[in-house]
Amino acid sequence: MKPTIAGCPGPRERLGAAVFARVAGPDGPRNRARIHDTPGPRWFGPEQPVRRVHGDASMFIGGLSALLLQSLHPLAMAAVSAHSGFRGDPWGRLQRTSTFLATTTYGTADQAQQACDQVRAVHERVRGETDRGEAYHASDPHLLCWVHVAEVDSFLRAHQRYGARPLTDAECDGYVENTARVAVALGVPDPPRNRAELTERLLAYRPELEATPQARDTARFLLLNPPLPLAARLPYGALAANAVSLLPRWASQELRLPRLAAVDTLCVRPLGSALTSMIRWALAPAPRPANA
């Protein structure tokens, strides 16, 4: 990489700053310093798999895929549609989610617990009825568990396909175990503790899942109409295609999202690998000068 003129950021720095600003928001630098620089015990040490997964660029694909998968529970979708404001402020929601993940993964134990307590307080206020008259409450442990397992499965799938260093089988179990600690703090009494239990729990939810009109409308918004400048639409399109490719086949069929095996193999996945490599390169710490 060519050296940059002193005080003038190069293309890597500009791209990294733009991506970080979009994901972390205006308070990103301050939150990053608070999370990483505050001394104290952590829920997860540097050797834990959750740190490797949540710190990898594959999370960009896994996060979008998780939103699509989570939308298939009618009660969860109704709660998001009525209370999250994601259409009016989708980047704000992304920034709050990324800050929560960073805090619980890398922050002190006190910071992580406080973040979970704040989310639980919000969930306690989120309640209502679906269009069919079914009651929902965001603090319902069964509903919370669905959101958790859909997220963890999506993040893990993404990391194993696009991550810089995929996990071993034992590390996959370790990742699920790590995330269970956060789930319990959020109000899930019995989250899965290994990959086999995660798969079993996902299958147990299948009879409850369907793509409501709200879910399909949300998928169209996320995949086809993101609030992005024209220059960002092409890379986002590659990210969106890979998020769909990452879904279980039954989930993409339920959402009526087209997938062709040959296109997935020859085009979509290579684009996903290239995109995550580019993001990983842009967000990597700048090399220190030789005379530093």
C-alpha atoms as a PDB file:
ATOM      1  CA  MET A   1       0.000   0.000   0.000  1.00  0.00           C
ATOM      2  CA  LYS A   2       1.346   3.425  -0.903  1.00  0.00           C
ATOM      3  CA  PRO A   3       2.285   5.637   2.021  1.00  0.00           C
ATOM      4  CA  THR A   4       0.016   8.604   2.621  1.00  0.00           C
ATOM      5  CA  ILE A   5       1.064  12.215   2.918  1.00  0.00           C
ATOM      6  CA  ALA A   6       1.252  13.294   6.548  1.00  0.00           C
ATOM      7  CA  GLY A   7      -2.184  14.497   7.687  1.00  0.00           C
ATOM      8  CA  CYS A   8      -3.854  13.271   4.481  1.00  0.00           C
ATOM      9  CA  PRO A   9      -5.632   9.903   4.830  1.00  0.00           C
ATOM     10  CA  GLY A  10      -5.246   7.377   2.042  1.00  0.00           C
ATOM     11  CA  PRO A  11      -8.003   5.281   0.436  1.00  0.00           C
ATOM     12  CA  ARG A  12      -7.801   2.608   3.133  1.00  0.00           C
ATOM     13  CA  GLU A  13      -8.230   5.138   5.927  1.00  0.00           C
ATOM     14  CA  ARG A  14     -11.066   6.938   4.138  1.00  0.00           C
ATOM     15  CA  LEU A  15     -12.965   3.727   3.439  1.00  0.00           C
ATOM     16  CA  GLY A  16     -12.417   2.443   6.964  1.00  0.00           C
ATOM     17  CA  ALA A  17     -13.601   5.708   8.474  1.00  0.00           C
ATOM     18  CA  ALA A  18     -16.711   5.742   6.279  1.00  0.00           C
ATOM     19  CA  VAL A  19     -17.644   2.158   7.184  1.00  0.00           C
ATOM     20  CA  PHE A  20     -16.999   2.724  10.886  1.00  0.00           C
ATOM     21  CA  ALA A  21     -19.027   5.943  10.918  1.00  0.00           C
ATOM     22  CA  ARG A  22     -21.989   4.226   9.243  1.00  0.00           C
ATOM     23  CA  VAL A  23     -21.965   1.264  11.623  1.00  0.00           C
ATOM     24  CA  ALA A  24     -20.919   2.936  14.880  1.00  0.00           C
ATOM     25  CA  GLY A  25     -22.497   6.377  14.447  1.00  0.00           C
ATOM     26  CA  PRO A  26     -21.260   9.791  15.607  1.00  0.00           C
ATOM     27  CA  ASP A  27     -20.473   8.475  19.087  1.00  0.00           C
ATOM     28  CA  GLY A  28     -18.451   5.570  17.679  1.00  0.00           C
ATOM     29  CA  PRO A  29     -14.945   6.804  18.595  1.00  0.00           C
ATOM     30  CA  ARG A  30     -16.028   7.723  22.124  1.00  0.00           C
ATOM     31  CA  ASN A  31     -17.841   4.396  22.611  1.00  0.00           C
ATOM     32  CA  ARG A  32     -14.861   2.472  21.264  1.00  0.00           C
ATOM     33  CA  ALA A  33     -12.520   4.167  23.732  1.00  0.00           C
ATOM     34  CA  ARG A  34     -14.924   3.570  26.608  1.00  0.00           C
ATOM     35  CA  ILE A  35     -15.442  -0.102  25.743  1.00  0.00           C
ATOM     36  CA  HIS A  36     -11.841  -1.057  25.066  1.00  0.00           C
ATOM     37  CA  ASP A  37      -9.898   1.252  27.373  1.00  0.00           C
ATOM     38  CA  THR A  38     -11.880   0.983  30.610  1.00  0.00           C
ATOM     39  CA  PRO A  39      -9.991  -1.337  32.983  1.00  0.00           C
ATOM     40  CA  GLY A  40     -11.769  -4.180  34.713  1.00  0.00           C
ATOM     41  CA  PRO A  41     -12.796  -7.827  34.333  1.00  0.00           C
ATOM     42  CA  ARG A  42     -14.593  -8.877  31.150  1.00  0.00           C
ATOM     43  CA  TRP A  43     -17.227 -11.504  30.492  1.00  0.00           C
ATOM     44  CA  PHE A  44     -15.018 -12.870  27.706  1.00  0.00           C
ATOM     45  CA  GLY A  45     -11.243 -13.022  27.581  1.00  0.00           C
ATOM     46  CA  PRO A  46      -9.181 -12.498  24.399  1.00  0.00           C
ATOM     47  CA  GLU A  47      -9.072 -16.242  23.753  1.00  0.00           C
ATOM     48  CA  GLN A  48     -12.849 -16.704  23.623  1.00  0.00           C
ATOM     49  CA  PRO A  49     -14.473 -17.534  20.233  1.00  0.00           C
ATOM     50  CA  VAL A  50     -17.094 -14.789  20.592  1.00  0.00           C
ATOM     51  CA  ARG A  51     -14.371 -12.185  20.235  1.00  0.00           C
ATOM     52  CA  ARG A  52     -13.144 -13.660  16.972  1.00  0.00           C
ATOM     53  CA  VAL A  53     -16.629 -13.941  15.488  1.00  0.00           C
ATOM     54  CA  HIS A  54     -17.926 -10.530  16.519  1.00  0.00           C
ATOM     55  CA  GLY A  55     -14.725  -8.798  15.462  1.00  0.00           C
ATOM     56  CA  ASP A  56     -14.736 -10.140  11.913  1.00  0.00           C
ATOM     57  CA  ALA A  57     -16.080  -8.449   8.771  1.00  0.00           C
ATOM     58  CA  SER A  58     -18.334 -11.466   8.158  1.00  0.00           C
ATOM     59  CA  MET A  59     -20.693  -9.872  10.701  1.00  0.00           C
ATOM     60  CA  PHE A  60     -21.884  -7.464   8.007  1.00  0.00           C
ATOM     61  CA  ILE A  61     -23.409 -10.367   6.080  1.00  0.00           C
ATOM     62  CA  GLY A  62     -24.434 -12.295   9.180  1.00  0.00           C
ATOM     63  CA  GLY A  63     -26.232  -9.315  10.677  1.00  0.00           C
ATOM     64  CA  LEU A  64     -28.404  -8.697   7.621  1.00  0.00           C
ATOM     65  CA  SER A  65     -29.145 -12.408   7.280  1.00  0.00           C
ATOM     66  CA  ALA A  66     -30.160 -12.488  10.965  1.00  0.00           C
ATOM     67  CA  LEU A  67     -32.705  -9.701  10.418  1.00  0.00           C
ATOM     68  CA  LEU A  68     -34.278 -11.634   7.545  1.00  0.00           C
ATOM     69  CA  LEU A  69     -34.437 -14.849   9.558  1.00  0.00           C
ATOM     70  CA  GLN A  70     -35.814 -13.152  12.674  1.00  0.00           C
ATOM     71  CA  SER A  71     -38.621 -11.571  10.620  1.00  0.00           C
ATOM     72  CA  LEU A  72     -40.166 -15.009  10.080  1.00  0.00           C
ATOM     73  CA  HIS A  73     -41.626 -15.084  13.594  1.00  0.00           C
ATOM     74  CA  PRO A  74     -44.915 -13.166  13.307  1.00  0.00           C
ATOM     75  CA  LEU A  75     -44.807 -11.896  16.894  1.00  0.00           C
ATOM     76  CA  ALA A  76     -41.204 -10.705  16.633  1.00  0.00           C
ATOM     77  CA  MET A  77     -41.938  -9.071  13.288  1.00  0.00           C
ATOM     78  CA  ALA A  78     -45.006  -7.289  14.644  1.00  0.00           C
ATOM     79  CA  ALA A  79     -43.013  -5.934  17.593  1.00  0.00           C
ATOM     80  CA  VAL A  80     -40.217  -4.664  15.344  1.00  0.00           C
ATOM     81  CA  SER A  81     -42.636  -3.120  12.873  1.00  0.00           C
ATOM     82  CA  ALA A  82     -44.625  -1.289  15.551  1.00  0.00           C
ATOM     83  CA  HIS A  83     -41.896  -0.234  17.946  1.00  0.00           C
ATOM     84  CA  SER A  84     -38.368  -0.210  16.484  1.00  0.00           C
ATOM     85  CA  GLY A  85     -38.654   2.676  14.025  1.00  0.00           C
ATOM     86  CA  PHE A  86     -36.185   0.907  11.737  1.00  0.00           C
ATOM     87  CA  ARG A  87     -37.687   2.416   8.597  1.00  0.00           C
ATOM     88  CA  GLY A  88     -37.397   5.963   9.826  1.00  0.00           C
ATOM     89  CA  ASP A  89     -33.943   5.453  11.337  1.00  0.00           C
ATOM     90  CA  PRO A  90     -32.398   2.184  10.088  1.00  0.00           C
ATOM     91  CA  TRP A  91     -28.830   3.367  10.664  1.00  0.00           C
ATOM     92  CA  GLY A  92     -29.645   4.411  14.208  1.00  0.00           C
ATOM     93  CA  ARG A  93     -30.935   0.915  14.936  1.00  0.00           C
ATOM     94  CA  LEU A  94     -27.817  -0.616  13.391  1.00  0.00           C
ATOM     95  CA  GLN A  95     -25.587   1.651  15.447  1.00  0.00           C
ATOM     96  CA  ARG A  96     -27.375   0.808  18.689  1.00  0.00           C
ATOM     97  CA  THR A  97     -27.128  -2.915  17.909  1.00  0.00           C
ATOM     98  CA  SER A  98     -23.432  -2.739  17.019  1.00  0.00           C
ATOM     99  CA  THR A  99     -22.696  -0.791  20.211  1.00  0.00           C
ATOM    100  CA  PHE A 100     -24.543  -3.398  22.271  1.00  0.00           C
ATOM    101  CA  LEU A 101     -22.607  -6.247  20.655  1.00  0.00           C
ATOM    102  CA  ALA A 102     -19.306  -4.447  21.151  1.00  0.00           C
ATOM    103  CA  THR A 103     -20.106  -3.670  24.779  1.00  0.00           C
ATOM    104  CA  THR A 104     -21.132  -7.198  25.747  1.00  0.00           C
ATOM    105  CA  THR A 105     -18.274  -8.791  23.793  1.00  0.00           C
ATOM    106  CA  TYR A 106     -15.355  -6.511  24.664  1.00  0.00           C
ATOM    107  CA  GLY A 107     -16.492  -4.209  27.479  1.00  0.00           C
ATOM    108  CA  THR A 108     -16.077  -4.646  31.200  1.00  0.00           C
ATOM    109  CA  ALA A 109     -18.446  -6.945  33.054  1.00  0.00           C
ATOM    110  CA  ASP A 110     -20.183  -3.914  34.562  1.00  0.00           C
ATOM    111  CA  GLN A 111     -20.632  -2.308  31.141  1.00  0.00           C
ATOM    112  CA  ALA A 112     -21.972  -5.539  29.667  1.00  0.00           C
ATOM    113  CA  GLN A 113     -24.478  -6.028  32.474  1.00  0.00           C
ATOM    114  CA  GLN A 114     -25.620  -2.406  32.242  1.00  0.00           C
ATOM    115  CA  ALA A 115     -26.142  -2.766  28.479  1.00  0.00           C
ATOM    116  CA  CYS A 116     -28.275  -5.870  29.023  1.00  0.00           C
ATOM    117  CA  ASP A 117     -30.273  -4.161  31.777  1.00  0.00           C
ATOM    118  CA  GLN A 118     -31.012  -1.237  29.459  1.00  0.00           C
ATOM    119  CA  VAL A 119     -32.251  -3.558  26.706  1.00  0.00           C
ATOM    120  CA  ARG A 120     -34.443  -5.442  29.183  1.00  0.00           C
ATOM    121  CA  ALA A 121     -36.001  -2.161  30.309  1.00  0.00           C
ATOM    122  CA  VAL A 122     -36.861  -1.327  26.693  1.00  0.00           C
ATOM    123  CA  HIS A 123     -38.261  -4.819  26.067  1.00  0.00           C
ATOM    124  CA  GLU A 124     -40.512  -4.506  29.092  1.00  0.00           C
ATOM    125  CA  ARG A 125     -42.309  -1.570  27.452  1.00  0.00           C
ATOM    126  CA  VAL A 126     -42.713  -3.229  24.029  1.00  0.00           C
ATOM    127  CA  ARG A 127     -46.061  -4.969  23.858  1.00  0.00           C
ATOM    128  CA  GLY A 128     -49.122  -5.007  21.631  1.00  0.00           C
ATOM    129  CA  GLU A 129     -51.129  -7.153  19.227  1.00  0.00           C
ATOM    130  CA  THR A 130     -50.544  -8.418  15.722  1.00  0.00           C
ATOM    131  CA  ASP A 131     -53.006  -7.743  12.893  1.00  0.00           C
ATOM    132  CA  ARG A 132     -54.555 -11.093  13.782  1.00  0.00           C
ATOM    133  CA  GLY A 133     -55.128 -10.077  17.395  1.00  0.00           C
ATOM    134  CA  GLU A 134     -52.282 -12.160  18.856  1.00  0.00           C
ATOM    135  CA  ALA A 135     -50.648 -10.525  21.872  1.00  0.00           C
ATOM    136  CA  TYR A 136     -46.889 -10.056  21.991  1.00  0.00           C
ATOM    137  CA  HIS A 137     -44.486  -8.831  24.657  1.00  0.00           C
ATOM    138  CA  ALA A 138     -40.807  -8.328  23.815  1.00  0.00           C
ATOM    139  CA  SER A 139     -39.736  -9.607  27.238  1.00  0.00           C
ATOM    140  CA  ASP A 140     -41.440 -12.986  26.661  1.00  0.00           C
ATOM    141  CA  PRO A 141     -38.595 -15.528  27.175  1.00  0.00           C
ATOM    142  CA  HIS A 142     -39.836 -17.710  24.310  1.00  0.00           C
ATOM    143  CA  LEU A 143     -39.784 -14.783  21.891  1.00  0.00           C
ATOM    144  CA  LEU A 144     -36.425 -13.577  23.198  1.00  0.00           C
ATOM    145  CA  CYS A 145     -34.994 -17.041  22.640  1.00  0.00           C
ATOM    146  CA  TRP A 146     -36.111 -17.007  18.995  1.00  0.00           C
ATOM    147  CA  VAL A 147     -34.381 -13.683  18.391  1.00  0.00           C
ATOM    148  CA  HIS A 148     -31.263 -15.019  20.117  1.00  0.00           C
ATOM    149  CA  VAL A 149     -30.974 -18.331  18.265  1.00  0.00           C
ATOM    150  CA  ALA A 150     -31.701 -16.745  14.879  1.00  0.00           C
ATOM    151  CA  GLU A 151     -28.969 -14.183  15.501  1.00  0.00           C
ATOM    152  CA  VAL A 152     -26.380 -16.633  16.823  1.00  0.00           C
ATOM    153  CA  ASP A 153     -27.007 -19.113  14.002  1.00  0.00           C
ATOM    154  CA  SER A 154     -26.671 -16.358  11.384  1.00  0.00           C
ATOM    155  CA  PHE A 155     -23.483 -14.914  12.871  1.00  0.00           C
ATOM    156  CA  LEU A 156     -21.925 -18.362  13.096  1.00  0.00           C
ATOM    157  CA  ARG A 157     -22.946 -19.349   9.565  1.00  0.00           C
ATOM    158  CA  ALA A 158     -21.450 -16.124   8.237  1.00  0.00           C
ATOM    159  CA  HIS A 159     -18.202 -16.572  10.105  1.00  0.00           C
ATOM    160  CA  GLN A 160     -17.744 -20.161   8.979  1.00  0.00           C
ATOM    161  CA  ARG A 161     -18.298 -19.143   5.352  1.00  0.00           C
ATOM    162  CA  TYR A 162     -16.639 -15.715   5.155  1.00  0.00           C
ATOM    163  CA  GLY A 163     -14.550 -15.321   8.319  1.00  0.00           C
ATOM    164  CA  ALA A 164     -10.801 -14.823   8.159  1.00  0.00           C
ATOM    165  CA  ARG A 165     -10.272 -17.760  10.549  1.00  0.00           C
ATOM    166  CA  PRO A 166     -13.255 -20.136  10.709  1.00  0.00           C
ATOM    167  CA  LEU A 167     -13.807 -21.863  14.037  1.00  0.00           C
ATOM    168  CA  THR A 168     -13.123 -25.505  14.788  1.00  0.00           C
ATOM    169  CA  ASP A 169     -16.056 -27.671  15.893  1.00  0.00           C
ATOM    170  CA  ALA A 170     -15.067 -27.189  19.533  1.00  0.00           C
ATOM    171  CA  GLU A 171     -14.791 -23.438  19.029  1.00  0.00           C
ATOM    172  CA  CYS A 172     -18.251 -23.354  17.429  1.00  0.00           C
ATOM    173  CA  ASP A 173     -19.614 -24.946  20.596  1.00  0.00           C
ATOM    174  CA  GLY A 174     -17.626 -22.410  22.584  1.00  0.00           C
ATOM    175  CA  TYR A 175     -19.148 -19.538  20.623  1.00  0.00           C
ATOM    176  CA  VAL A 176     -22.684 -20.744  21.331  1.00  0.00           C
ATOM    177  CA  GLU A 177     -21.747 -21.131  25.008  1.00  0.00           C
ATOM    178  CA  ASN A 178     -20.317 -17.593  25.086  1.00  0.00           C
ATOM    179  CA  THR A 179     -23.445 -16.071  23.589  1.00  0.00           C
ATOM    180  CA  ALA A 180     -25.621 -17.967  26.069  1.00  0.00           C
ATOM    181  CA  ARG A 181     -24.189 -15.784  28.835  1.00  0.00           C
ATOM    182  CA  VAL A 182     -25.551 -12.669  27.123  1.00  0.00           C
ATOM    183  CA  ALA A 183     -28.871 -14.378  26.414  1.00  0.00           C
ATOM    184  CA  VAL A 184     -29.364 -15.221  30.086  1.00  0.00           C
ATOM    185  CA  ALA A 185     -28.606 -11.617  31.031  1.00  0.00           C
ATOM    186  CA  LEU A 186     -31.294 -10.522  28.541  1.00  0.00           C
ATOM    187  CA  GLY A 187     -33.919 -12.822  30.054  1.00  0.00           C
ATOM    188  CA  VAL A 188     -33.584 -16.134  28.197  1.00  0.00           C
ATOM    189  CA  PRO A 189     -33.617 -18.791  30.941  1.00  0.00           C
ATOM    190  CA  ASP A 190     -32.366 -21.774  28.938  1.00  0.00           C
ATOM    191  CA  PRO A 191     -30.452 -20.753  25.775  1.00  0.00           C
ATOM    192  CA  PRO A 192     -28.639 -23.429  23.747  1.00  0.00           C
ATOM    193  CA  ARG A 193     -25.119 -24.148  24.930  1.00  0.00           C
ATOM    194  CA  ASN A 194     -23.585 -25.845  21.890  1.00  0.00           C
ATOM    195  CA  ARG A 195     -24.128 -26.055  18.138  1.00  0.00           C
ATOM    196  CA  ALA A 196     -26.235 -29.209  18.275  1.00  0.00           C
ATOM    197  CA  GLU A 197     -28.602 -27.593  20.769  1.00  0.00           C
ATOM    198  CA  LEU A 198     -28.708 -24.460  18.601  1.00  0.00           C
ATOM    199  CA  THR A 199     -29.787 -26.490  15.557  1.00  0.00           C
ATOM    200  CA  GLU A 200     -32.353 -28.386  17.619  1.00  0.00           C
ATOM    201  CA  ARG A 201     -33.827 -25.171  19.032  1.00  0.00           C
ATOM    202  CA  LEU A 202     -34.118 -23.563  15.598  1.00  0.00           C
ATOM    203  CA  LEU A 203     -35.992 -26.584  14.280  1.00  0.00           C
ATOM    204  CA  ALA A 204     -38.343 -26.474  17.274  1.00  0.00           C
ATOM    205  CA  TYR A 205     -39.469 -22.987  16.222  1.00  0.00           C
ATOM    206  CA  ARG A 206     -40.295 -24.013  12.649  1.00  0.00           C
ATOM    207  CA  PRO A 207     -44.053 -24.610  13.235  1.00  0.00           C
ATOM    208  CA  GLU A 208     -44.389 -21.018  14.521  1.00  0.00           C
ATOM    209  CA  LEU A 209     -42.644 -19.359  11.575  1.00  0.00           C
ATOM    210  CA  GLU A 210     -44.166 -17.831   8.469  1.00  0.00           C
ATOM    211  CA  ALA A 211     -43.513 -14.929   6.166  1.00  0.00           C
ATOM    212  CA  THR A 212     -46.261 -12.443   6.961  1.00  0.00           C
ATOM    213  CA  PRO A 213     -46.861  -9.483   4.618  1.00  0.00           C
ATOM    214  CA  GLN A 214     -44.866  -7.406   7.123  1.00  0.00           C
ATOM    215  CA  ALA A 215     -41.919  -9.811   6.865  1.00  0.00           C
ATOM    216  CA  ARG A 216     -41.882  -9.769   3.063  1.00  0.00           C
ATOM    217  CA  ASP A 217     -42.222  -5.990   3.028  1.00  0.00           C
ATOM    218  CA  THR A 218     -39.294  -5.725   5.424  1.00  0.00           C
ATOM    219  CA  ALA A 219     -37.200  -8.029   3.243  1.00  0.00           C
ATOM    220  CA  ARG A 220     -37.887  -5.814   0.219  1.00  0.00           C
ATOM    221  CA  PHE A 221     -36.894  -2.738   2.197  1.00  0.00           C
ATOM    222  CA  LEU A 222     -33.669  -4.307   3.507  1.00  0.00           C
ATOM    223  CA  LEU A 223     -32.620  -5.883   0.232  1.00  0.00           C
ATOM    224  CA  LEU A 224     -33.888  -3.532  -2.474  1.00  0.00           C
ATOM    225  CA  ASN A 225     -34.474  -0.094  -0.949  1.00  0.00           C
ATOM    226  CA  PRO A 226     -31.737   0.609   1.595  1.00  0.00           C
ATOM    227  CA  PRO A 227     -31.211   4.292   2.446  1.00  0.00           C
ATOM    228  CA  LEU A 228     -27.817   4.493   0.765  1.00  0.00           C
ATOM    229  CA  PRO A 229     -26.139   6.804  -1.745  1.00  0.00           C
ATOM    230  CA  LEU A 230     -25.921   5.527  -5.305  1.00  0.00           C
ATOM    231  CA  ALA A 231     -22.192   4.767  -5.028  1.00  0.00           C
ATOM    232  CA  ALA A 232     -22.820   2.355  -2.157  1.00  0.00           C
ATOM    233  CA  ARG A 233     -25.640   0.416  -3.835  1.00  0.00           C
ATOM    234  CA  LEU A 234     -23.399  -2.017  -5.737  1.00  0.00           C
ATOM    235  CA  PRO A 235     -21.377  -3.289  -2.742  1.00  0.00           C
ATOM    236  CA  TYR A 236     -24.547  -3.349  -0.656  1.00  0.00           C
ATOM    237  CA  GLY A 237     -26.197  -5.444  -3.371  1.00  0.00           C
ATOM    238  CA  ALA A 238     -23.393  -7.990  -3.044  1.00  0.00           C
ATOM    239  CA  LEU A 239     -23.829  -7.993   0.736  1.00  0.00           C
ATOM    240  CA  ALA A 240     -27.592  -8.458   0.404  1.00  0.00           C
ATOM    241  CA  ALA A 241     -27.236 -11.328  -2.067  1.00  0.00           C
ATOM    242  CA  ASN A 242     -24.894 -13.109   0.318  1.00  0.00           C
ATOM    243  CA  ALA A 243     -27.228 -12.512   3.263  1.00  0.00           C
ATOM    244  CA  VAL A 244     -29.956 -14.313   1.313  1.00  0.00           C
ATOM    245  CA  SER A 245     -27.529 -17.064   0.268  1.00  0.00           C
ATOM    246  CA  LEU A 246     -26.661 -17.598   3.931  1.00  0.00           C
ATOM    247  CA  LEU A 247     -30.265 -18.267   4.983  1.00  0.00           C
ATOM    248  CA  PRO A 248     -31.466 -21.836   5.442  1.00  0.00           C
ATOM    249  CA  ARG A 249     -33.146 -22.902   2.214  1.00  0.00           C
ATOM    250  CA  TRP A 250     -36.574 -23.127   3.857  1.00  0.00           C
ATOM    251  CA  ALA A 251     -36.266 -19.548   5.148  1.00  0.00           C
ATOM    252  CA  SER A 252     -35.443 -18.002   1.768  1.00  0.00           C
ATOM    253  CA  GLN A 253     -38.291 -19.983   0.190  1.00  0.00           C
ATOM    254  CA  GLU A 254     -40.725 -18.750   2.843  1.00  0.00           C
ATOM    255  CA  LEU A 255     -39.689 -15.145   2.153  1.00  0.00           C
ATOM    256  CA  ARG A 256     -39.932 -15.792  -1.623  1.00  0.00           C
ATOM    257  CA  LEU A 257     -36.325 -14.789  -2.166  1.00  0.00           C
ATOM    258  CA  PRO A 258     -34.970 -16.420  -5.334  1.00  0.00           C
ATOM    259  CA  ARG A 259     -31.830 -18.541  -5.121  1.00  0.00           C
ATOM    260  CA  LEU A 260     -30.061 -20.562  -7.797  1.00  0.00           C
ATOM    261  CA  ALA A 261     -27.384 -22.998  -6.687  1.00  0.00           C
ATOM    262  CA  ALA A 262     -25.105 -22.332  -9.667  1.00  0.00           C
ATOM    263  CA  VAL A 263     -25.327 -18.562  -9.250  1.00  0.00           C
ATOM    264  CA  ASP A 264     -24.666 -18.910  -5.522  1.00  0.00           C
ATOM    265  CA  THR A 265     -21.541 -20.976  -6.111  1.00  0.00           C
ATOM    266  CA  LEU A 266     -20.081 -19.161  -9.106  1.00  0.00           C
ATOM    267  CA  CYS A 267     -21.014 -15.567  -8.386  1.00  0.00           C
ATOM    268  CA  VAL A 268     -22.635 -14.730  -5.049  1.00  0.00           C
ATOM    269  CA  ARG A 269     -20.236 -16.437  -2.642  1.00  0.00           C
ATOM    270  CA  PRO A 270     -17.039 -15.234  -4.375  1.00  0.00           C
ATOM    271  CA  LEU A 271     -18.434 -11.702  -4.257  1.00  0.00           C
ATOM    272  CA  GLY A 272     -19.175 -12.146  -0.555  1.00  0.00           C
ATOM    273  CA  SER A 273     -15.633 -13.310   0.136  1.00  0.00           C
ATOM    274  CA  ALA A 274     -14.201 -10.371  -1.813  1.00  0.00           C
ATOM    275  CA  LEU A 275     -16.466  -7.888  -0.054  1.00  0.00           C
ATOM    276  CA  THR A 276     -15.651  -9.101   3.448  1.00  0.00           C
ATOM    277  CA  SER A 277     -11.937  -9.119   2.602  1.00  0.00           C
ATOM    278  CA  MET A 278     -12.194  -5.498   1.464  1.00  0.00           C
ATOM    279  CA  ILE A 279     -14.046  -4.441   4.626  1.00  0.00           C
ATOM    280  CA  ARG A 280     -11.564  -6.355   6.777  1.00  0.00           C
ATOM    281  CA  TRP A 281      -8.675  -4.572   5.020  1.00  0.00           C
ATOM    282  CA  ALA A 282     -10.314  -1.157   5.429  1.00  0.00           C
ATOM    283  CA  LEU A 283     -11.067  -1.612   9.136  1.00  0.00           C
ATOM    284  CA  ALA A 284      -7.710  -3.138  10.084  1.00  0.00           C
ATOM    285  CA  PRO A 285      -5.501  -0.899  12.253  1.00  0.00           C
ATOM    286  CA  ALA A 286      -3.119   1.169  10.147  1.00  0.00           C
ATOM    287  CA  PRO A 287       0.465  -0.167  10.142  1.00  0.00           C
ATOM    288  CA  ARG A 288       2.835   1.723  12.407  1.00  0.00           C
ATOM    289  CA  PRO A 289       5.585   3.699  10.697  1.00  0.00           C
ATOM    290  CA  ALA A 290       8.984   1.973  10.707  1.00  0.00           C
ATOM    291  CA  ASN A 291      10.531   4.744  12.797  1.00  0.00           C
ATOM    292  CA  ALA A 292       7.695   4.839  15.367  1.00  0.00           C
END
